[in-house]
């Protein structure tokens, strides 16, 4: 960070004809400018404007020594007090690229931005591989020129990565370069303005309504043609579609404590926001949730049922409906215990009855209420996990889900590599004909409507995909 501190003899005079001496501080020639007052005032004749020094006064030496000391303090403070990309105090005058990159990686970890943290770690690994081809371990920011960018681009491309990934690595290099400039690096020449880094935009695929309907026929109860892990993956995929395109990581982390009356309050980790998923009238989501409710939650309700407070919250006809629900799944033994029957009859069209049941479940307070996840892919208690451990846990669970989703491809007769994120595309495509972009953007919890607009434009219509296949097979 470059700091200049000049002495300014202000124009305004006091009653004795004296002018105040100030230090004018400028950082990086930007708008970071300010005047710093000094305790000295002098008549104009006692100030040498060409040298910015006091003269012709008995206090000249005292004043000049004071001003020199203050300017030295300012320059020392900023030379040792330069922030990296996240505000962490490091020296950017003498930082090499790898040192600066390490500071940024540490900052991301400290802020628990684990996704970016992992991506920049991967970038560092790739950069170190590139540097080995140059027989160097590090370099200065001044070494980044057009030839450097071309060599790095060629190296990354030669490792067999997709164009989108190559674009991402070069983009990260540019991002770090700009952050270094903001942190005080003063480039002699910016090569990124003359280097082309083409972005490869790929179409995002989505399922059709007909394909979703086929999947629904295999949901709610485990069919004979699916293994139990595949059935669970199918349910979480459909849940994402029904639940406003919720990301799979956020769906995997849902617990019964996220159930609030007739709403699910999901935590959206990417934006640190929440997404409300309404259950009233949403029979498909309710039936998925009902399958995964632990038995002891239902038994806890049965034990609470005779409670006066609970009784006073229900009308007689509501109690009757709930007893019908209970009788389908339980029998009471002579010693007062409850035995759960196998679920032979499961899917209900009586939405209201299920809504009441869910609302009551959300009120049950158990010691493990905040531990149990709705979907069975994460078994561990994530409430006390570090951000890094949680990121790995969700990543491993997502891999398991995506692996099982591949088994569903024959059901919907598609060569499309089915993944959990396609559920998000599917929700968007289904919602588009009836909802405006602003509404869809809010449901997807996007940062801006512009992001949603790009998202929608990149989703290829399944009808178009089918037409391409038909044409290809006609030859």
Protein backbone atom coordinates (compact mmCIF):
# COMPACT_ATOMS: atom_id res chain seq x y z
CA UNK A 1 0.00 0.00 0.00
CA UNK A 2 1.59 3.28 -1.11
CA UNK A 3 1.14 6.24 1.22
CA UNK A 4 2.14 9.81 0.54
CA UNK A 5 1.95 12.47 3.23
CA UNK A 6 2.46 16.05 2.14
CA UNK A 7 2.51 19.25 4.22
CA UNK A 8 -0.28 21.62 3.37
CA UNK A 9 -0.35 25.28 4.32
CA UNK A 10 -4.09 25.95 4.52
CA UNK A 11 -5.35 29.21 3.02
CA UNK A 12 -7.61 30.25 5.88
CA UNK A 13 -5.93 32.63 8.35
CA UNK A 14 -6.79 33.31 11.96
CA UNK A 15 -7.15 36.75 13.60
CA UNK A 16 -3.36 37.03 13.95
CA UNK A 17 -2.77 36.32 10.27
CA UNK A 18 -1.46 32.80 10.90
CA UNK A 19 -2.18 29.75 8.73
CA UNK A 20 -2.58 26.20 10.13
CA UNK A 21 -0.11 23.54 9.00
CA UNK A 22 -1.76 20.20 8.07
CA UNK A 23 -0.54 16.86 6.76
CA UNK A 24 -2.36 15.75 3.62
CA UNK A 25 -2.44 11.92 3.53
CA UNK A 26 -3.14 9.98 0.31
CA UNK A 27 -3.35 6.18 0.04
CA UNK A 28 -2.75 4.58 -3.37
CA UNK A 29 -3.76 7.80 -5.14
CA UNK A 30 -7.36 6.78 -4.53
CA UNK A 31 -10.10 8.59 -2.66
CA UNK A 32 -8.57 7.60 0.67
CA UNK A 33 -7.49 11.15 1.36
CA UNK A 34 -7.68 13.16 4.51
CA UNK A 35 -6.17 16.15 6.31
CA UNK A 36 -4.40 15.54 9.61
CA UNK A 37 -4.17 18.60 11.83
CA UNK A 38 -0.96 19.67 13.55
CA UNK A 39 -0.66 21.99 16.58
CA UNK A 40 1.30 24.59 14.59
CA UNK A 41 0.26 27.83 12.89
CA UNK A 42 2.60 30.22 11.07
CA UNK A 43 2.39 33.51 9.22
CA UNK A 44 2.67 32.99 5.46
CA UNK A 45 6.14 34.59 5.40
CA UNK A 46 7.47 31.87 7.74
CA UNK A 47 6.55 29.00 5.40
CA UNK A 48 8.70 27.92 2.44
CA UNK A 49 6.18 26.56 -0.08
CA UNK A 50 8.86 25.16 -2.41
CA UNK A 51 10.33 22.88 0.27
CA UNK A 52 7.24 22.54 2.48
CA UNK A 53 9.30 23.51 5.50
CA UNK A 54 9.11 26.17 8.21
CA UNK A 55 11.82 28.87 8.05
CA UNK A 56 12.80 32.30 9.36
CA UNK A 57 11.35 31.52 12.78
CA UNK A 58 13.02 30.45 16.05
CA UNK A 59 10.70 27.40 16.11
CA UNK A 60 11.61 26.22 12.58
CA UNK A 61 13.68 23.26 13.80
CA UNK A 62 11.03 22.18 16.33
CA UNK A 63 8.22 22.41 13.77
CA UNK A 64 10.14 20.60 11.02
CA UNK A 65 11.22 17.80 13.38
CA UNK A 66 7.62 17.32 14.52
CA UNK A 67 6.34 17.18 10.93
CA UNK A 68 9.05 14.71 9.85
CA UNK A 69 8.24 12.46 12.82
CA UNK A 70 4.50 12.45 12.11
CA UNK A 71 4.95 11.69 8.39
CA UNK A 72 7.33 8.82 9.26
CA UNK A 73 4.75 7.40 11.69
CA UNK A 74 2.05 7.43 8.99
CA UNK A 75 4.23 5.69 6.42
CA UNK A 76 5.44 3.10 8.92
CA UNK A 77 1.92 2.36 10.08
CA UNK A 78 0.69 1.64 6.56
CA UNK A 79 3.78 -0.22 5.39
CA UNK A 80 3.31 -2.73 8.24
CA UNK A 81 -0.45 -2.69 8.30
CA UNK A 82 -1.72 -3.80 4.92
CA UNK A 83 -4.86 -5.91 4.71
CA UNK A 84 -5.26 -9.01 2.60
CA UNK A 85 -8.44 -9.95 0.75
CA UNK A 86 -10.53 -10.35 3.87
CA UNK A 87 -9.18 -7.57 6.01
CA UNK A 88 -6.46 -9.62 7.72
CA UNK A 89 -3.43 -7.42 8.42
CA UNK A 90 -0.46 -8.47 6.29
CA UNK A 91 2.19 -6.66 4.32
CA UNK A 92 1.29 -6.36 0.64
CA UNK A 93 4.41 -4.44 -0.34
CA UNK A 94 6.56 -7.54 -0.26
CA UNK A 95 4.10 -10.43 -0.52
CA UNK A 96 4.74 -13.05 -3.15
CA UNK A 97 1.81 -14.59 -4.96
CA UNK A 98 1.76 -17.82 -2.91
CA UNK A 99 2.01 -15.85 0.33
CA UNK A 100 -0.93 -13.71 -0.70
CA UNK A 101 -2.89 -16.80 -1.80
CA UNK A 102 -2.21 -18.51 1.56
CA UNK A 103 -3.52 -15.42 3.36
CA UNK A 104 -6.70 -15.51 1.32
CA UNK A 105 -7.22 -19.22 1.97
CA UNK A 106 -6.79 -18.68 5.72
CA UNK A 107 -9.26 -15.81 5.59
CA UNK A 108 -11.90 -17.95 3.84
CA UNK A 109 -11.50 -20.65 6.48
CA UNK A 110 -11.78 -18.11 9.31
CA UNK A 111 -15.04 -16.84 7.80
CA UNK A 112 -16.28 -20.44 7.32
CA UNK A 113 -16.67 -19.92 3.57
CA UNK A 114 -15.80 -23.56 3.11
CA UNK A 115 -16.88 -23.94 -0.52
CA UNK A 116 -14.60 -21.10 -1.64
CA UNK A 117 -11.91 -22.33 0.76
CA UNK A 118 -11.86 -25.75 -0.94
CA UNK A 119 -11.90 -24.24 -4.43
CA UNK A 120 -8.94 -21.97 -3.71
CA UNK A 121 -7.05 -24.88 -2.15
CA UNK A 122 -7.58 -26.79 -5.41
CA UNK A 123 -6.44 -23.71 -7.32
CA UNK A 124 -3.26 -23.56 -5.22
CA UNK A 125 -2.53 -27.23 -5.96
CA UNK A 126 -2.92 -26.57 -9.67
CA UNK A 127 -0.75 -23.44 -9.49
CA UNK A 128 2.01 -25.33 -7.63
CA UNK A 129 1.94 -27.99 -10.35
CA UNK A 130 2.35 -25.26 -12.96
CA UNK A 131 5.27 -23.69 -11.06
CA UNK A 132 7.08 -27.02 -10.93
CA UNK A 133 7.18 -26.98 -14.73
CA UNK A 134 9.00 -23.64 -14.40
CA UNK A 135 11.37 -24.99 -11.70
CA UNK A 136 10.22 -22.30 -9.26
CA UNK A 137 8.23 -22.42 -6.03
CA UNK A 138 6.78 -18.90 -6.01
CA UNK A 139 6.69 -15.67 -7.98
CA UNK A 140 6.00 -11.95 -7.69
CA UNK A 141 2.83 -10.28 -8.93
CA UNK A 142 5.01 -8.34 -11.38
CA UNK A 143 5.82 -11.68 -13.04
CA UNK A 144 2.21 -12.05 -14.19
CA UNK A 145 2.24 -10.93 -17.82
CA UNK A 146 0.52 -12.06 -21.01
CA UNK A 147 2.99 -14.90 -21.56
CA UNK A 148 2.52 -16.09 -17.97
CA UNK A 149 -1.27 -16.20 -18.46
CA UNK A 150 -0.95 -18.06 -21.75
CA UNK A 151 1.42 -20.62 -20.20
CA UNK A 152 -0.84 -21.16 -17.17
CA UNK A 153 -3.93 -21.50 -19.39
CA UNK A 154 -2.12 -24.03 -21.58
CA UNK A 155 -0.91 -26.00 -18.55
CA UNK A 156 -4.37 -26.25 -16.95
CA UNK A 157 -5.94 -27.13 -20.28
CA UNK A 158 -3.34 -29.87 -20.74
CA UNK A 159 -4.42 -31.61 -17.54
CA UNK A 160 -7.64 -32.66 -19.28
CA UNK A 161 -10.03 -30.36 -17.44
CA UNK A 162 -13.21 -29.01 -19.00
CA UNK A 163 -13.19 -25.52 -20.50
CA UNK A 164 -15.46 -24.28 -17.71
CA UNK A 165 -12.93 -25.45 -15.11
CA UNK A 166 -10.01 -23.92 -17.02
CA UNK A 167 -11.96 -20.66 -17.17
CA UNK A 168 -12.53 -20.86 -13.42
CA UNK A 169 -8.84 -21.29 -12.58
CA UNK A 170 -7.75 -18.37 -14.79
CA UNK A 171 -10.58 -16.31 -13.32
CA UNK A 172 -9.33 -17.02 -9.78
CA UNK A 173 -5.87 -15.86 -10.79
CA UNK A 174 -7.44 -12.60 -11.98
CA UNK A 175 -9.49 -12.28 -8.81
CA UNK A 176 -6.37 -12.58 -6.64
CA UNK A 177 -4.59 -10.05 -8.84
CA UNK A 178 -7.37 -7.50 -8.33
CA UNK A 179 -7.47 -8.18 -4.59
CA UNK A 180 -3.73 -7.60 -4.41
CA UNK A 181 -4.19 -4.23 -6.15
CA UNK A 182 -6.83 -3.27 -3.61
CA UNK A 183 -4.42 -4.31 -0.87
CA UNK A 184 -1.65 -2.03 -2.08
CA UNK A 185 0.04 -3.75 -5.02
CA UNK A 186 0.76 -1.15 -7.71
CA UNK A 187 0.90 -2.91 -11.12
CA UNK A 188 2.97 -1.47 -13.92
CA UNK A 189 0.76 -3.23 -16.46
CA UNK A 190 -2.50 -5.18 -16.11
CA UNK A 191 -2.27 -8.18 -18.48
CA UNK A 192 -5.81 -9.42 -17.77
CA UNK A 193 -7.28 -6.63 -19.86
CA UNK A 194 -5.56 -8.11 -22.92
CA UNK A 195 -6.01 -11.81 -22.22
CA UNK A 196 -9.05 -13.71 -23.48
CA UNK A 197 -10.46 -16.23 -21.04
CA UNK A 198 -13.48 -17.73 -22.85
CA UNK A 199 -16.29 -19.00 -20.68
CA UNK A 200 -17.93 -22.22 -21.78
CA UNK A 201 -21.63 -21.98 -20.98
CA UNK A 202 -23.33 -25.34 -20.85
CA UNK A 203 -27.05 -25.94 -20.93
CA UNK A 204 -28.60 -26.94 -17.63
CA UNK A 205 -30.85 -29.96 -17.94
CA UNK A 206 -34.24 -30.46 -16.30
CA UNK A 207 -36.80 -33.25 -16.18
CA UNK A 208 -40.18 -32.93 -17.81
CA UNK A 209 -43.44 -33.08 -15.87
CA UNK A 210 -44.07 -36.55 -17.30
CA UNK A 211 -40.71 -37.78 -16.03
CA UNK A 212 -41.42 -36.37 -12.57
CA UNK A 213 -44.79 -38.17 -12.58
CA UNK A 214 -43.05 -41.46 -13.37
CA UNK A 215 -40.73 -40.96 -10.41
CA UNK A 216 -43.69 -40.15 -8.16
CA UNK A 217 -45.16 -43.57 -8.80
CA UNK A 218 -42.15 -45.08 -7.06
CA UNK A 219 -42.09 -42.67 -4.12
CA UNK A 220 -43.57 -42.68 -0.59
CA UNK A 221 -43.30 -46.47 -0.08
CA UNK A 222 -40.28 -48.57 -1.12
CA UNK A 223 -41.21 -50.38 -4.36
CA UNK A 224 -39.87 -53.84 -5.10
CA UNK A 225 -37.88 -52.64 -8.10
CA UNK A 226 -35.75 -50.20 -6.06
CA UNK A 227 -33.21 -50.74 -3.32
CA UNK A 228 -33.78 -48.81 -0.10
CA UNK A 229 -30.84 -46.37 -0.70
CA UNK A 230 -32.19 -45.60 -4.19
CA UNK A 231 -35.66 -45.09 -2.74
CA UNK A 232 -34.29 -42.59 -0.22
CA UNK A 233 -32.42 -40.75 -2.99
CA UNK A 234 -35.62 -40.63 -5.05
CA UNK A 235 -37.54 -39.13 -2.13
CA UNK A 236 -34.99 -36.42 -1.45
CA UNK A 237 -34.89 -35.59 -5.19
CA UNK A 238 -38.69 -35.21 -5.32
CA UNK A 239 -38.66 -33.31 -2.04
CA UNK A 240 -36.27 -30.79 -3.63
CA UNK A 241 -38.60 -30.40 -6.60
CA UNK A 242 -41.66 -29.92 -4.37
CA UNK A 243 -39.79 -27.71 -1.87
CA UNK A 244 -39.06 -24.73 -4.13
CA UNK A 245 -35.86 -26.18 -5.58
CA UNK A 246 -34.04 -26.47 -2.26
CA UNK A 247 -30.34 -27.33 -2.71
CA UNK A 248 -29.48 -30.90 -1.81
CA UNK A 249 -26.99 -29.86 0.90
CA UNK A 250 -29.69 -27.81 2.64
CA UNK A 251 -32.21 -30.65 2.27
CA UNK A 252 -29.77 -33.20 3.70
CA UNK A 253 -29.26 -31.03 6.79
CA UNK A 254 -32.97 -30.63 7.52
CA UNK A 255 -33.91 -31.82 10.99
CA UNK A 256 -37.24 -32.26 12.68
CA UNK A 257 -36.46 -29.08 14.55
CA UNK A 258 -36.81 -27.24 11.22
CA UNK A 259 -40.50 -28.17 11.26
CA UNK A 260 -42.51 -25.22 12.55
CA UNK A 261 -46.24 -25.84 12.54
CA UNK A 262 -47.19 -26.15 8.90
CA UNK A 263 -43.91 -24.78 7.56
CA UNK A 264 -40.38 -26.03 7.17
CA UNK A 265 -37.80 -23.33 7.86
CA UNK A 266 -34.73 -24.41 5.91
CA UNK A 267 -31.32 -22.83 6.39
CA UNK A 268 -29.75 -21.82 3.06
CA UNK A 269 -26.03 -22.14 3.71
CA UNK A 270 -24.84 -20.48 0.51
CA UNK A 271 -26.44 -17.14 1.33
CA UNK A 272 -26.86 -17.52 5.12
CA UNK A 273 -30.59 -16.94 4.68
CA UNK A 274 -33.66 -19.07 5.36
CA UNK A 275 -36.26 -20.48 3.01
CA UNK A 276 -39.82 -21.18 4.17
CA UNK A 277 -41.44 -24.24 2.64
CA UNK A 278 -45.20 -24.20 3.26
CA UNK A 279 -46.82 -27.57 3.97
CA UNK A 280 -50.49 -26.62 3.97
CA UNK A 281 -52.04 -28.28 0.94
CA UNK A 282 -48.68 -29.68 -0.15
CA UNK A 283 -49.69 -33.32 0.18
CA UNK A 284 -46.67 -34.64 -1.72
CA UNK A 285 -44.18 -33.10 0.70
CA UNK A 286 -46.29 -34.17 3.68
CA UNK A 287 -46.35 -37.80 2.57
CA UNK A 288 -42.57 -37.83 2.15
CA UNK A 289 -42.10 -36.33 5.62
CA UNK A 290 -44.56 -38.72 7.18
CA UNK A 291 -42.60 -41.74 5.95
CA UNK A 292 -39.44 -40.54 7.67
CA UNK A 293 -40.92 -39.57 11.03
CA UNK A 294 -39.26 -41.65 13.76
CA UNK A 295 -41.61 -43.92 15.67
CA UNK A 296 -40.72 -42.40 19.02
CA UNK A 297 -41.95 -39.01 17.79
CA UNK A 298 -45.38 -40.53 17.18
CA UNK A 299 -45.33 -42.38 20.49
CA UNK A 300 -44.35 -39.16 22.23
CA UNK A 301 -47.44 -37.59 20.72
CA UNK A 302 -49.60 -40.45 21.98
CA UNK A 303 -48.27 -39.92 25.48
CA UNK A 304 -48.89 -36.19 25.22
CA UNK A 305 -52.39 -36.73 23.89
CA UNK A 306 -53.99 -37.05 27.32
CA UNK A 307 -52.30 -33.88 28.50
CA UNK A 308 -54.83 -31.19 29.38
CA UNK A 309 -53.03 -28.52 27.39
CA UNK A 310 -52.92 -30.73 24.32
CA UNK A 311 -56.57 -31.70 24.72
CA UNK A 312 -57.62 -28.07 24.89
CA UNK A 313 -55.89 -27.33 21.59
CA UNK A 314 -58.00 -29.81 19.60
CA UNK A 315 -61.63 -29.97 18.64
CA UNK A 316 -63.39 -33.35 19.16
CA UNK A 317 -63.52 -34.10 15.42
CA UNK A 318 -59.78 -33.39 15.18
CA UNK A 319 -59.10 -35.93 17.94
CA UNK A 320 -61.17 -38.51 16.09
CA UNK A 321 -59.17 -37.96 12.90
CA UNK A 322 -55.91 -38.29 14.78
CA UNK A 323 -57.02 -41.53 16.43
CA UNK A 324 -57.79 -42.96 13.01
CA UNK A 325 -54.25 -42.05 11.97
CA UNK A 326 -52.81 -43.67 15.08
CA UNK A 327 -54.86 -46.85 14.69
CA UNK A 328 -53.41 -47.41 11.22
CA UNK A 329 -49.90 -47.66 12.63
CA UNK A 330 -50.10 -48.72 16.27
CA UNK A 331 -51.69 -51.07 18.73
CA UNK A 332 -51.66 -50.60 22.48
CA UNK A 333 -50.45 -53.58 24.53
CA UNK A 334 -51.86 -54.56 27.92
CA UNK A 335 -49.00 -52.86 29.73
CA UNK A 336 -49.56 -49.59 27.89
CA UNK A 337 -46.72 -49.82 25.35
CA UNK A 338 -47.16 -49.06 21.67
CA UNK A 339 -46.29 -51.44 18.86
CA UNK A 340 -45.94 -50.07 15.33
CA UNK A 341 -47.59 -52.03 12.52
CA UNK A 342 -45.92 -52.39 9.12
CA UNK A 343 -47.11 -49.59 6.87
CA UNK A 344 -49.49 -51.36 4.52
CA UNK A 345 -51.73 -48.39 4.02
CA UNK A 346 -49.80 -45.19 3.66
CA UNK A 347 -50.77 -42.54 1.11
CA UNK A 348 -53.64 -40.35 2.27
CA UNK A 349 -55.73 -37.88 0.36
CA UNK A 350 -56.97 -36.34 3.58
CA UNK A 351 -54.51 -33.45 3.56
CA UNK A 352 -56.10 -31.75 6.55
CA UNK A 353 -55.57 -34.77 8.77
CA UNK A 354 -51.90 -34.97 7.90
CA UNK A 355 -51.47 -31.23 8.40
CA UNK A 356 -52.76 -31.52 11.97
CA UNK A 357 -50.43 -34.41 12.64
CA UNK A 358 -47.40 -32.53 11.33
CA UNK A 359 -48.29 -29.44 13.31
CA UNK A 360 -48.42 -31.52 16.49
CA UNK A 361 -45.14 -33.28 15.70
CA UNK A 362 -43.45 -29.91 15.38
CA UNK A 363 -44.51 -29.12 18.97
CA UNK A 364 -43.00 -32.28 20.44
CA UNK A 365 -39.93 -31.39 22.49
CA UNK A 366 -37.48 -34.26 22.80
CA UNK A 367 -33.86 -34.23 23.88
CA UNK A 368 -32.77 -35.46 20.44
CA UNK A 369 -35.14 -33.20 18.55
CA UNK A 370 -32.25 -31.18 17.10
CA UNK A 371 -30.12 -34.20 16.24
CA UNK A 372 -32.21 -36.34 13.91
CA UNK A 373 -32.05 -35.44 10.22
CA UNK A 374 -35.18 -36.01 8.17
CA UNK A 375 -33.39 -37.90 5.41
CA UNK A 376 -31.16 -40.84 6.44
CA UNK A 377 -27.99 -39.96 4.51
CA UNK A 378 -26.36 -38.10 7.43
CA UNK A 379 -26.33 -40.13 10.63
CA UNK A 380 -23.98 -38.01 12.74
CA UNK A 381 -24.98 -35.13 14.98
CA UNK A 382 -23.98 -32.07 12.92
CA UNK A 383 -24.94 -29.50 15.55
CA UNK A 384 -21.42 -29.33 17.01
CA UNK A 385 -19.40 -29.98 13.86
CA UNK A 386 -16.84 -27.51 12.60
CA UNK A 387 -17.66 -25.82 9.31
CA UNK A 388 -14.97 -27.83 7.53
CA UNK A 389 -16.18 -31.15 8.95
CA UNK A 390 -19.77 -30.26 8.07
CA UNK A 391 -18.75 -29.41 4.51
CA UNK A 392 -17.12 -32.85 4.15
CA UNK A 393 -20.12 -34.59 5.73
CA UNK A 394 -22.56 -32.92 3.32
CA UNK A 395 -20.24 -33.56 0.37
CA UNK A 396 -20.02 -37.28 1.16
CA UNK A 397 -23.79 -37.53 1.59
CA UNK A 398 -24.39 -35.69 -1.69
CA UNK A 399 -22.08 -38.12 -3.49
CA UNK A 400 -24.12 -41.03 -2.10
CA UNK A 401 -27.38 -39.43 -3.25
CA UNK A 402 -26.09 -38.77 -6.75
CA UNK A 403 -24.74 -42.30 -7.05
CA UNK A 404 -28.17 -43.75 -6.20
CA UNK A 405 -29.98 -41.36 -8.54
CA UNK A 406 -28.18 -42.96 -11.49
CA UNK A 407 -30.30 -46.07 -10.82
CA UNK A 408 -33.43 -44.09 -11.67
CA UNK A 409 -32.36 -43.21 -15.21
CA UNK A 410 -33.92 -46.36 -16.78
CA UNK A 411 -37.26 -45.52 -15.12
CA UNK A 412 -37.56 -42.22 -16.94
CA UNK A 413 -35.84 -43.49 -20.09
CA UNK A 414 -33.12 -40.91 -20.26
CA UNK A 415 -29.40 -40.88 -20.97
CA UNK A 416 -29.17 -37.72 -18.87
CA UNK A 417 -26.82 -38.23 -15.93
CA UNK A 418 -29.31 -37.67 -13.16
CA UNK A 419 -28.01 -35.66 -10.19
CA UNK A 420 -29.57 -33.95 -7.21
CA UNK A 421 -29.03 -30.48 -8.69
CA UNK A 422 -31.24 -31.33 -11.66
CA UNK A 423 -34.15 -31.21 -9.22
CA UNK A 424 -33.44 -27.49 -8.80
CA UNK A 425 -33.46 -27.01 -12.58
CA UNK A 426 -36.67 -29.04 -12.80
CA UNK A 427 -38.45 -26.89 -10.25
CA UNK A 428 -37.36 -23.76 -12.13
CA UNK A 429 -38.56 -25.05 -15.49
CA UNK A 430 -41.94 -26.15 -14.11
CA UNK A 431 -42.44 -22.86 -12.26
CA UNK A 432 -41.49 -20.60 -15.19
CA UNK A 433 -44.78 -20.72 -17.20
CA UNK A 434 -46.91 -19.59 -14.24
CA UNK A 435 -44.59 -17.48 -12.07
CA UNK A 436 -42.65 -14.29 -12.77
CA UNK A 437 -38.87 -14.29 -12.54
CA UNK A 438 -38.80 -12.17 -9.37
CA UNK A 439 -40.95 -14.74 -7.52
CA UNK A 440 -38.85 -17.65 -8.76
CA UNK A 441 -35.71 -15.78 -7.73
CA UNK A 442 -37.02 -15.43 -4.17
CA UNK A 443 -37.97 -19.11 -3.99
CA UNK A 444 -34.55 -20.21 -5.24
CA UNK A 445 -32.95 -17.72 -2.81
CA UNK A 446 -30.80 -16.26 -5.57
CA UNK A 447 -28.68 -13.18 -4.92
CA UNK A 448 -30.39 -11.26 -7.72
CA UNK A 449 -33.07 -11.53 -10.41
CA UNK A 450 -30.31 -11.30 -13.02
CA UNK A 451 -28.84 -14.56 -11.68
CA UNK A 452 -32.26 -16.22 -12.02
CA UNK A 453 -32.70 -14.90 -15.55
CA UNK A 454 -29.37 -16.43 -16.57
CA UNK A 455 -30.30 -19.62 -14.76
CA UNK A 456 -33.58 -19.94 -16.65
CA UNK A 457 -32.00 -19.20 -20.02
CA UNK A 458 -29.42 -21.96 -19.51
CA UNK A 459 -32.01 -24.67 -18.78
CA UNK A 460 -32.64 -26.68 -21.90
CA UNK A 461 -36.23 -27.65 -22.55
CA UNK A 462 -36.63 -31.47 -22.34
CA UNK A 463 -38.72 -31.34 -25.52
CA UNK A 464 -35.73 -29.83 -27.33
CA UNK A 465 -33.44 -32.51 -25.94
CA UNK A 466 -35.88 -35.21 -27.09
CA UNK A 467 -36.04 -33.66 -30.55
CA UNK A 468 -32.25 -33.75 -30.80
CA UNK A 469 -32.25 -37.46 -29.96
CA UNK A 470 -34.99 -38.20 -32.49
CA UNK A 471 -33.09 -36.39 -35.23
CA UNK A 472 -29.84 -38.14 -34.33
CA UNK A 473 -31.56 -41.55 -34.46
CA UNK A 474 -33.18 -40.81 -37.82
CA UNK A 475 -29.91 -41.11 -39.75
